[in-house]
Amino acid sequence: MTQARNIFVAFELLRPERGEDRIQEAVESFGCVWARINRNVFYLHGELDAASVGQKVWAAMSMDDKLVVVDASKNDARWYNIKPEVSQFLVNNWHA
């Protein structure tokens, strides 16, 4: 059994009226404890990792949306559809 982790999910929806429910459903489907910190940020605590959370939440989103998933316990992150220069900045600085 893996150790429970602290995962943050931050997102931006191009059309919020068409996606907020789907994102919350994806979060609920992990079967862990969670809280909605604000409109665009969830906190999850459970036997999860950034990669699997990112894949499942991103599947519920539109290609125009933006997503960042941070595993605060393992210092790991995944991001989707962010500007290339921001992505490169994260890659260059994450473990610097």
PDB file of N, CA and C in Angstrom:
ATOM      1  N   MET A   1       0.843  -1.173   0.000  1.00  0.00           N
ATOM      2  CA  MET A   1       0.000   0.000   0.000  1.00  0.00           C
ATOM      3  C   MET A   1       0.896   1.247   0.000  1.00  0.00           C
ATOM      4  N   THR A   2       0.551   2.224  -0.798  1.00  0.00           N
ATOM      5  CA  THR A   2       1.334   3.450  -0.864  1.00  0.00           C
ATOM      6  C   THR A   2       0.909   4.418   0.225  1.00  0.00           C
ATOM      7  N   GLN A   3       1.735   5.397   0.429  1.00  0.00           N
ATOM      8  CA  GLN A   3       1.459   6.404   1.452  1.00  0.00           C
ATOM      9  C   GLN A   3       0.535   7.484   0.900  1.00  0.00           C
ATOM     10  N   ALA A   4      -0.360   7.992   1.745  1.00  0.00           N
ATOM     11  CA  ALA A   4      -1.254   9.076   1.340  1.00  0.00           C
ATOM     12  C   ALA A   4      -0.435  10.320   1.031  1.00  0.00           C
ATOM     13  N   ARG A   5      -0.853  11.038   0.011  1.00  0.00           N
ATOM     14  CA  ARG A   5      -0.135  12.225  -0.440  1.00  0.00           C
ATOM     15  C   ARG A   5      -1.057  13.435  -0.457  1.00  0.00           C
ATOM     16  N   ASN A   6      -0.420  14.605  -0.484  1.00  0.00           N
ATOM     17  CA  ASN A   6      -1.126  15.879  -0.591  1.00  0.00           C
ATOM     18  C   ASN A   6      -1.049  16.355  -2.045  1.00  0.00           C
ATOM     19  N   ILE A   7      -2.183  16.416  -2.693  1.00  0.00           N
ATOM     20  CA  ILE A   7      -2.266  16.772  -4.110  1.00  0.00           C
ATOM     21  C   ILE A   7      -3.102  18.045  -4.245  1.00  0.00           C
ATOM     22  N   PHE A   8      -2.587  18.992  -5.016  1.00  0.00           N
ATOM     23  CA  PHE A   8      -3.337  20.202  -5.345  1.00  0.00           C
ATOM     24  C   PHE A   8      -3.649  20.196  -6.835  1.00  0.00           C
ATOM     25  N   VAL A   9      -4.882  20.508  -7.168  1.00  0.00           N
ATOM     26  CA  VAL A   9      -5.347  20.576  -8.549  1.00  0.00           C
ATOM     27  C   VAL A   9      -5.823  22.006  -8.798  1.00  0.00           C
ATOM     28  N   ALA A  10      -5.127  22.708  -9.679  1.00  0.00           N
ATOM     29  CA  ALA A  10      -5.498  24.082 -10.035  1.00  0.00           C
ATOM     30  C   ALA A  10      -5.845  24.104 -11.518  1.00  0.00           C
ATOM     31  N   PHE A  11      -6.922  24.780 -11.856  1.00  0.00           N
ATOM     32  CA  PHE A  11      -7.376  24.757 -13.242  1.00  0.00           C
ATOM     33  C   PHE A  11      -7.982  26.083 -13.648  1.00  0.00           C
ATOM     34  N   GLU A  12      -8.029  26.276 -14.946  1.00  0.00           N
ATOM     35  CA  GLU A  12      -8.715  27.422 -15.540  1.00  0.00           C
ATOM     36  C   GLU A  12      -9.549  26.882 -16.688  1.00  0.00           C
ATOM     37  N   LEU A  13     -10.818  27.205 -16.672  1.00  0.00           N
ATOM     38  CA  LEU A  13     -11.727  26.734 -17.711  1.00  0.00           C
ATOM     39  C   LEU A  13     -12.069  27.861 -18.667  1.00  0.00           C
ATOM     40  N   LEU A  14     -11.975  27.582 -19.955  1.00  0.00           N
ATOM     41  CA  LEU A  14     -12.357  28.566 -20.953  1.00  0.00           C
ATOM     42  C   LEU A  14     -13.842  28.881 -20.831  1.00  0.00           C
ATOM     43  N   ARG A  15     -14.643  27.855 -20.624  1.00  0.00           N
ATOM     44  CA  ARG A  15     -16.089  28.011 -20.442  1.00  0.00           C
ATOM     45  C   ARG A  15     -16.489  27.311 -19.139  1.00  0.00           C
ATOM     46  N   PRO A  16     -16.401  28.017 -18.011  1.00  0.00           N
ATOM     47  CA  PRO A  16     -16.666  27.392 -16.710  1.00  0.00           C
ATOM     48  C   PRO A  16     -18.021  26.694 -16.619  1.00  0.00           C
ATOM     49  N   GLU A  17     -19.008  27.231 -17.274  1.00  0.00           N
ATOM     50  CA  GLU A  17     -20.347  26.641 -17.193  1.00  0.00           C
ATOM     51  C   GLU A  17     -20.405  25.243 -17.801  1.00  0.00           C
ATOM     52  N   ARG A  18     -19.403  24.881 -18.582  1.00  0.00           N
ATOM     53  CA  ARG A  18     -19.418  23.574 -19.245  1.00  0.00           C
ATOM     54  C   ARG A  18     -18.449  22.578 -18.624  1.00  0.00           C
ATOM     55  N   GLY A  19     -17.757  22.934 -17.524  1.00  0.00           N
ATOM     56  CA  GLY A  19     -16.756  22.002 -17.051  1.00  0.00           C
ATOM     57  C   GLY A  19     -16.592  21.831 -15.562  1.00  0.00           C
ATOM     58  N   GLU A  20     -17.068  22.768 -14.762  1.00  0.00           N
ATOM     59  CA  GLU A  20     -16.823  22.673 -13.325  1.00  0.00           C
ATOM     60  C   GLU A  20     -17.391  21.391 -12.722  1.00  0.00           C
ATOM     61  N   ASP A  21     -18.576  21.001 -13.127  1.00  0.00           N
ATOM     62  CA  ASP A  21     -19.180  19.776 -12.595  1.00  0.00           C
ATOM     63  C   ASP A  21     -18.359  18.545 -12.985  1.00  0.00           C
ATOM     64  N   ARG A  22     -17.864  18.513 -14.199  1.00  0.00           N
ATOM     65  CA  ARG A  22     -17.069  17.358 -14.644  1.00  0.00           C
ATOM     66  C   ARG A  22     -15.768  17.246 -13.863  1.00  0.00           C
ATOM     67  N   ILE A  23     -15.155  18.367 -13.550  1.00  0.00           N
ATOM     68  CA  ILE A  23     -13.916  18.335 -12.783  1.00  0.00           C
ATOM     69  C   ILE A  23     -14.197  17.845 -11.367  1.00  0.00           C
ATOM     70  N   GLN A  24     -15.240  18.343 -10.751  1.00  0.00           N
ATOM     71  CA  GLN A  24     -15.571  17.877  -9.405  1.00  0.00           C
ATOM     72  C   GLN A  24     -15.896  16.388  -9.421  1.00  0.00           C
ATOM     73  N   GLU A  25     -16.599  15.914 -10.432  1.00  0.00           N
ATOM     74  CA  GLU A  25     -16.889  14.479 -10.542  1.00  0.00           C
ATOM     75  C   GLU A  25     -15.605  13.666 -10.655  1.00  0.00           C
ATOM     76  N   ALA A  26     -14.638  14.162 -11.427  1.00  0.00           N
ATOM     77  CA  ALA A  26     -13.349  13.471 -11.551  1.00  0.00           C
ATOM     78  C   ALA A  26     -12.646  13.414 -10.201  1.00  0.00           C
ATOM     79  N   VAL A  27     -12.659  14.520  -9.469  1.00  0.00           N
ATOM     80  CA  VAL A  27     -12.027  14.568  -8.144  1.00  0.00           C
ATOM     81  C   VAL A  27     -12.715  13.582  -7.204  1.00  0.00           C
ATOM     82  N   GLU A  28     -14.033  13.579  -7.191  1.00  0.00           N
ATOM     83  CA  GLU A  28     -14.783  12.671  -6.321  1.00  0.00           C
ATOM     84  C   GLU A  28     -14.521  11.210  -6.660  1.00  0.00           C
ATOM     85  N   SER A  29     -14.260  10.918  -7.924  1.00  0.00           N
ATOM     86  CA  SER A  29     -14.070   9.533  -8.350  1.00  0.00           C
ATOM     87  C   SER A  29     -12.798   8.895  -7.792  1.00  0.00           C
ATOM     88  N   PHE A  30     -11.873   9.687  -7.274  1.00  0.00           N
ATOM     89  CA  PHE A  30     -10.656   9.114  -6.701  1.00  0.00           C
ATOM     90  C   PHE A  30     -10.941   8.420  -5.371  1.00  0.00           C
ATOM     91  N   GLY A  31     -12.066   8.714  -4.759  1.00  0.00           N
ATOM     92  CA  GLY A  31     -12.441   8.048  -3.523  1.00  0.00           C
ATOM     93  C   GLY A  31     -11.586   8.420  -2.324  1.00  0.00           C
ATOM     94  N   CYS A  32     -11.020   9.593  -2.351  1.00  0.00           N
ATOM     95  CA  CYS A  32     -10.194  10.060  -1.239  1.00  0.00           C
ATOM     96  C   CYS A  32     -10.856  11.273  -0.599  1.00  0.00           C
ATOM     97  N   VAL A  33     -10.277  11.748   0.494  1.00  0.00           N
ATOM     98  CA  VAL A  33     -10.803  12.973   1.080  1.00  0.00           C
ATOM     99  C   VAL A  33     -10.329  14.152   0.242  1.00  0.00           C
ATOM    100  N   TRP A  34     -11.179  15.155   0.128  1.00  0.00           N
ATOM    101  CA  TRP A  34     -10.830  16.316  -0.692  1.00  0.00           C
ATOM    102  C   TRP A  34     -11.596  17.532  -0.195  1.00  0.00           C
ATOM    103  N   ALA A  35     -11.095  18.688  -0.610  1.00  0.00           N
ATOM    104  CA  ALA A  35     -11.763  19.951  -0.297  1.00  0.00           C
ATOM    105  C   ALA A  35     -11.600  20.872  -1.496  1.00  0.00           C
ATOM    106  N   ARG A  36     -12.610  21.668  -1.726  1.00  0.00           N
ATOM    107  CA  ARG A  36     -12.514  22.686  -2.761  1.00  0.00           C
ATOM    108  C   ARG A  36     -12.077  23.976  -2.071  1.00  0.00           C
ATOM    109  N   ILE A  37     -10.844  24.379  -2.320  1.00  0.00           N
ATOM    110  CA  ILE A  37     -10.266  25.542  -1.654  1.00  0.00           C
ATOM    111  C   ILE A  37     -10.896  26.823  -2.163  1.00  0.00           C
ATOM    112  N   ASN A  38     -11.043  26.924  -3.464  1.00  0.00           N
ATOM    113  CA  ASN A  38     -11.765  28.032  -4.093  1.00  0.00           C
ATOM    114  C   ASN A  38     -12.317  27.527  -5.407  1.00  0.00           C
ATOM    115  N   ARG A  39     -12.826  28.399  -6.216  1.00  0.00           N
ATOM    116  CA  ARG A  39     -13.494  27.979  -7.446  1.00  0.00           C
ATOM    117  C   ARG A  39     -12.596  27.131  -8.348  1.00  0.00           C
ATOM    118  N   ASN A  40     -11.299  27.406  -8.354  1.00  0.00           N
ATOM    119  CA  ASN A  40     -10.398  26.754  -9.303  1.00  0.00           C
ATOM    120  C   ASN A  40      -9.302  25.904  -8.676  1.00  0.00           C
ATOM    121  N   VAL A  41      -9.424  25.587  -7.387  1.00  0.00           N
ATOM    122  CA  VAL A  41      -8.384  24.785  -6.729  1.00  0.00           C
ATOM    123  C   VAL A  41      -9.026  23.738  -5.821  1.00  0.00           C
ATOM    124  N   PHE A  42      -8.571  22.490  -5.986  1.00  0.00           N
ATOM    125  CA  PHE A  42      -8.960  21.398  -5.108  1.00  0.00           C
ATOM    126  C   PHE A  42      -7.735  20.892  -4.367  1.00  0.00           C
ATOM    127  N   TYR A  43      -7.959  20.391  -3.161  1.00  0.00           N
ATOM    128  CA  TYR A  43      -6.927  19.684  -2.400  1.00  0.00           C
ATOM    129  C   TYR A  43      -7.423  18.254  -2.227  1.00  0.00           C
ATOM    130  N   LEU A  44      -6.557  17.279  -2.502  1.00  0.00           N
ATOM    131  CA  LEU A  44      -6.895  15.873  -2.339  1.00  0.00           C
ATOM    132  C   LEU A  44      -5.866  15.234  -1.417  1.00  0.00           C
ATOM    133  N   HIS A  45      -6.304  14.306  -0.586  1.00  0.00           N
ATOM    134  CA  HIS A  45      -5.395  13.575   0.289  1.00  0.00           C
ATOM    135  C   HIS A  45      -5.736  12.095   0.166  1.00  0.00           C
ATOM    136  N   GLY A  46      -4.805  11.350  -0.380  1.00  0.00           N
ATOM    137  CA  GLY A  46      -5.041   9.931  -0.558  1.00  0.00           C
ATOM    138  C   GLY A  46      -3.882   9.267  -1.257  1.00  0.00           C
ATOM    139  N   GLU A  47      -4.064   8.034  -1.584  1.00  0.00           N
ATOM    140  CA  GLU A  47      -3.037   7.243  -2.259  1.00  0.00           C
ATOM    141  C   GLU A  47      -3.084   7.540  -3.758  1.00  0.00           C
ATOM    142  N   LEU A  48      -2.570   8.702  -4.110  1.00  0.00           N
ATOM    143  CA  LEU A  48      -2.640   9.231  -5.462  1.00  0.00           C
ATOM    144  C   LEU A  48      -1.258   9.690  -5.896  1.00  0.00           C
ATOM    145  N   ASP A  49      -1.127  10.015  -7.162  1.00  0.00           N
ATOM    146  CA  ASP A  49       0.086  10.661  -7.653  1.00  0.00           C
ATOM    147  C   ASP A  49      -0.306  11.691  -8.701  1.00  0.00           C
ATOM    148  N   ALA A  50       0.589  12.632  -8.953  1.00  0.00           N
ATOM    149  CA  ALA A  50       0.294  13.743  -9.863  1.00  0.00           C
ATOM    150  C   ALA A  50      -0.042  13.243 -11.266  1.00  0.00           C
ATOM    151  N   ALA A  51       0.652  12.233 -11.730  1.00  0.00           N
ATOM    152  CA  ALA A  51       0.418  11.740 -13.094  1.00  0.00           C
ATOM    153  C   ALA A  51      -0.989  11.183 -13.272  1.00  0.00           C
ATOM    154  N   SER A  52      -1.419  10.306 -12.370  1.00  0.00           N
ATOM    155  CA  SER A  52      -2.747   9.707 -12.536  1.00  0.00           C
ATOM    156  C   SER A  52      -3.863  10.720 -12.298  1.00  0.00           C
ATOM    157  N   VAL A  53      -3.679  11.606 -11.334  1.00  0.00           N
ATOM    158  CA  VAL A  53      -4.683  12.650 -11.102  1.00  0.00           C
ATOM    159  C   VAL A  53      -4.762  13.562 -12.319  1.00  0.00           C
ATOM    160  N   GLY A  54      -3.622  13.976 -12.826  1.00  0.00           N
ATOM    161  CA  GLY A  54      -3.598  14.842 -14.001  1.00  0.00           C
ATOM    162  C   GLY A  54      -4.290  14.226 -15.198  1.00  0.00           C
ATOM    163  N   GLN A  55      -3.994  12.969 -15.470  1.00  0.00           N
ATOM    164  CA  GLN A  55      -4.606  12.300 -16.628  1.00  0.00           C
ATOM    165  C   GLN A  55      -6.117  12.231 -16.508  1.00  0.00           C
ATOM    166  N   LYS A  56      -6.602  11.880 -15.333  1.00  0.00           N
ATOM    167  CA  LYS A  56      -8.047  11.718 -15.163  1.00  0.00           C
ATOM    168  C   LYS A  56      -8.773  13.060 -15.187  1.00  0.00           C
ATOM    169  N   VAL A  57      -8.225  14.053 -14.517  1.00  0.00           N
ATOM    170  CA  VAL A  57      -8.877  15.364 -14.508  1.00  0.00           C
ATOM    171  C   VAL A  57      -8.807  15.980 -15.903  1.00  0.00           C
ATOM    172  N   TRP A  58      -7.669  15.889 -16.569  1.00  0.00           N
ATOM    173  CA  TRP A  58      -7.523  16.458 -17.907  1.00  0.00           C
ATOM    174  C   TRP A  58      -8.516  15.818 -18.876  1.00  0.00           C
ATOM    175  N   ALA A  59      -8.797  14.548 -18.713  1.00  0.00           N
ATOM    176  CA  ALA A  59      -9.760  13.860 -19.584  1.00  0.00           C
ATOM    177  C   ALA A  59     -11.158  14.454 -19.451  1.00  0.00           C
ATOM    178  N   ALA A  60     -11.443  15.105 -18.325  1.00  0.00           N
ATOM    179  CA  ALA A  60     -12.753  15.719 -18.109  1.00  0.00           C
ATOM    180  C   ALA A  60     -12.808  17.160 -18.593  1.00  0.00           C
ATOM    181  N   MET A  61     -11.700  17.646 -19.120  1.00  0.00           N
ATOM    182  CA  MET A  61     -11.603  19.056 -19.496  1.00  0.00           C
ATOM    183  C   MET A  61     -11.563  19.230 -21.011  1.00  0.00           C
ATOM    184  N   SER A  62     -11.710  20.453 -21.437  1.00  0.00           N
ATOM    185  CA  SER A  62     -11.613  20.823 -22.846  1.00  0.00           C
ATOM    186  C   SER A  62     -10.152  21.101 -23.188  1.00  0.00           C
ATOM    187  N   MET A  63      -9.798  20.948 -24.440  1.00  0.00           N
ATOM    188  CA  MET A  63      -8.423  21.187 -24.883  1.00  0.00           C
ATOM    189  C   MET A  63      -8.004  22.643 -24.721  1.00  0.00           C
ATOM    190  N   ASP A  64      -8.941  23.558 -24.563  1.00  0.00           N
ATOM    191  CA  ASP A  64      -8.631  24.977 -24.371  1.00  0.00           C
ATOM    192  C   ASP A  64      -8.406  25.344 -22.905  1.00  0.00           C
ATOM    193  N   ASP A  65      -8.723  24.433 -21.991  1.00  0.00           N
ATOM    194  CA  ASP A  65      -8.579  24.688 -20.566  1.00  0.00           C
ATOM    195  C   ASP A  65      -7.113  24.540 -20.146  1.00  0.00           C
ATOM    196  N   LYS A  66      -6.833  24.864 -18.907  1.00  0.00           N
ATOM    197  CA  LYS A  66      -5.482  24.748 -18.360  1.00  0.00           C
ATOM    198  C   LYS A  66      -5.555  24.001 -17.036  1.00  0.00           C
ATOM    199  N   LEU A  67      -4.525  23.190 -16.777  1.00  0.00           N
ATOM    200  CA  LEU A  67      -4.509  22.370 -15.566  1.00  0.00           C
ATOM    201  C   LEU A  67      -3.091  22.243 -15.034  1.00  0.00           C
ATOM    202  N   VAL A  68      -2.957  22.365 -13.705  1.00  0.00           N
ATOM    203  CA  VAL A  68      -1.700  22.088 -13.014  1.00  0.00           C
ATOM    204  C   VAL A  68      -2.034  21.205 -11.821  1.00  0.00           C
ATOM    205  N   VAL A  69      -1.311  20.092 -11.695  1.00  0.00           N
ATOM    206  CA  VAL A  69      -1.486  19.173 -10.574  1.00  0.00           C
ATOM    207  C   VAL A  69      -0.152  19.072  -9.853  1.00  0.00           C
ATOM    208  N   VAL A  70      -0.153  19.342  -8.549  1.00  0.00           N
ATOM    209  CA  VAL A  70       1.074  19.315  -7.758  1.00  0.00           C
ATOM    210  C   VAL A  70       0.938  18.273  -6.648  1.00  0.00           C
ATOM    211  N   ASP A  71       1.882  17.362  -6.610  1.00  0.00           N
ATOM    212  CA  ASP A  71       2.002  16.402  -5.521  1.00  0.00           C
ATOM    213  C   ASP A  71       2.976  17.022  -4.522  1.00  0.00           C
ATOM    214  N   ALA A  72       2.438  17.687  -3.494  1.00  0.00           N
ATOM    215  CA  ALA A  72       3.269  18.393  -2.522  1.00  0.00           C
ATOM    216  C   ALA A  72       4.071  17.428  -1.657  1.00  0.00           C
ATOM    217  N   SER A  73       3.623  16.195  -1.534  1.00  0.00           N
ATOM    218  CA  SER A  73       4.338  15.215  -0.725  1.00  0.00           C
ATOM    219  C   SER A  73       5.594  14.698  -1.416  1.00  0.00           C
ATOM    220  N   LYS A  74       5.552  14.575  -2.709  1.00  0.00           N
ATOM    221  CA  LYS A  74       6.673  14.010  -3.470  1.00  0.00           C
ATOM    222  C   LYS A  74       7.383  15.040  -4.340  1.00  0.00           C
ATOM    223  N   ASN A  75       7.002  16.320  -4.209  1.00  0.00           N
ATOM    224  CA  ASN A  75       7.623  17.393  -4.999  1.00  0.00           C
ATOM    225  C   ASN A  75       7.580  17.066  -6.494  1.00  0.00           C
ATOM    226  N   ASP A  76       6.402  16.711  -6.960  1.00  0.00           N
ATOM    227  CA  ASP A  76       6.191  16.335  -8.358  1.00  0.00           C
ATOM    228  C   ASP A  76       5.014  17.145  -8.894  1.00  0.00           C
ATOM    229  N   ALA A  77       4.983  17.352 -10.196  1.00  0.00           N
ATOM    230  CA  ALA A  77       3.879  18.103 -10.797  1.00  0.00           C
ATOM    231  C   ALA A  77       3.660  17.675 -12.236  1.00  0.00           C
ATOM    232  N   ARG A  78       2.460  17.932 -12.702  1.00  0.00           N
ATOM    233  CA  ARG A  78       2.080  17.749 -14.110  1.00  0.00           C
ATOM    234  C   ARG A  78       1.283  18.968 -14.516  1.00  0.00           C
ATOM    235  N   TRP A  79       1.425  19.371 -15.759  1.00  0.00           N
ATOM    236  CA  TRP A  79       0.654  20.511 -16.236  1.00  0.00           C
ATOM    237  C   TRP A  79       0.240  20.271 -17.672  1.00  0.00           C
ATOM    238  N   TYR A  80      -0.875  20.886 -18.038  1.00  0.00           N
ATOM    239  CA  TYR A  80      -1.506  20.669 -19.335  1.00  0.00           C
ATOM    240  C   TYR A  80      -1.942  22.004 -19.920  1.00  0.00           C
ATOM    241  N   ASN A  81      -1.592  22.219 -21.162  1.00  0.00           N
ATOM    242  CA  ASN A  81      -2.027  23.367 -21.947  1.00  0.00           C
ATOM    243  C   ASN A  81      -1.630  24.708 -21.335  1.00  0.00           C
ATOM    244  N   ILE A  82      -0.440  24.782 -20.785  1.00  0.00           N
ATOM    245  CA  ILE A  82       0.055  26.079 -20.347  1.00  0.00           C
ATOM    246  C   ILE A  82       1.041  26.586 -21.399  1.00  0.00           C
ATOM    247  N   LYS A  83       1.327  27.856 -21.378  1.00  0.00           N
ATOM    248  CA  LYS A  83       2.209  28.453 -22.381  1.00  0.00           C
ATOM    249  C   LYS A  83       3.550  27.727 -22.396  1.00  0.00           C
ATOM    250  N   PRO A  84       4.102  27.502 -23.592  1.00  0.00           N
ATOM    251  CA  PRO A  84       5.381  26.783 -23.688  1.00  0.00           C
ATOM    252  C   PRO A  84       6.496  27.420 -22.849  1.00  0.00           C
ATOM    253  N   GLU A  85       6.545  28.741 -22.807  1.00  0.00           N
ATOM    254  CA  GLU A  85       7.602  29.388 -22.029  1.00  0.00           C
ATOM    255  C   GLU A  85       7.413  29.176 -20.525  1.00  0.00           C
ATOM    256  N   VAL A  86       6.175  29.079 -20.074  1.00  0.00           N
ATOM    257  CA  VAL A  86       5.919  28.791 -18.664  1.00  0.00           C
ATOM    258  C   VAL A  86       6.278  27.333 -18.369  1.00  0.00           C
ATOM    259  N   SER A  87       5.910  26.452 -19.265  1.00  0.00           N
ATOM    260  CA  SER A  87       6.270  25.046 -19.101  1.00  0.00           C
ATOM    261  C   SER A  87       7.788  24.882 -19.013  1.00  0.00           C
ATOM    262  N   GLN A  88       8.506  25.537 -19.897  1.00  0.00           N
ATOM    263  CA  GLN A  88       9.959  25.444 -19.874  1.00  0.00           C
ATOM    264  C   GLN A  88      10.531  26.042 -18.594  1.00  0.00           C
ATOM    265  N   PHE A  89       9.955  27.122 -18.129  1.00  0.00           N
ATOM    266  CA  PHE A  89      10.384  27.728 -16.868  1.00  0.00           C
ATOM    267  C   PHE A  89      10.229  26.726 -15.722  1.00  0.00           C
ATOM    268  N   LEU A  90       9.087  26.040 -15.674  1.00  0.00           N
ATOM    269  CA  LEU A  90       8.861  25.039 -14.629  1.00  0.00           C
ATOM    270  C   LEU A  90       9.880  23.916 -14.720  1.00  0.00           C
ATOM    271  N   VAL A  91      10.105  23.427 -15.935  1.00  0.00           N
ATOM    272  CA  VAL A  91      11.080  22.344 -16.125  1.00  0.00           C
ATOM    273  C   VAL A  91      12.462  22.791 -15.641  1.00  0.00           C
ATOM    274  N   ASN A  92      12.847  24.003 -15.983  1.00  0.00           N
ATOM    275  CA  ASN A  92      14.184  24.510 -15.635  1.00  0.00           C
ATOM    276  C   ASN A  92      14.343  24.777 -14.143  1.00  0.00           C
ATOM    277  N   ASN A  93      13.259  25.107 -13.462  1.00  0.00           N
ATOM    278  CA  ASN A  93      13.379  25.553 -12.083  1.00  0.00           C
ATOM    279  C   ASN A  93      12.799  24.625 -11.022  1.00  0.00           C
ATOM    280  N   TRP A  94      12.049  23.629 -11.406  1.00  0.00           N
ATOM    281  CA  TRP A  94      11.350  22.796 -10.440  1.00  0.00           C
ATOM    282  C   TRP A  94      12.299  22.184  -9.402  1.00  0.00           C
ATOM    283  N   HIS A  95      13.375  21.597  -9.843  1.00  0.00           N
ATOM    284  CA  HIS A  95      14.318  20.950  -8.927  1.00  0.00           C
ATOM    285  C   HIS A  95      15.627  21.712  -8.806  1.00  0.00           C
ATOM    286  N   ALA A  96      15.629  22.971  -9.207  1.00  0.00           N
ATOM    287  CA  ALA A  96      16.863  23.771  -9.178  1.00  0.00           C
ATOM    288  C   ALA A  96      17.255  24.160  -7.772  1.00  0.00           C
TER     289      ALA A  96
END
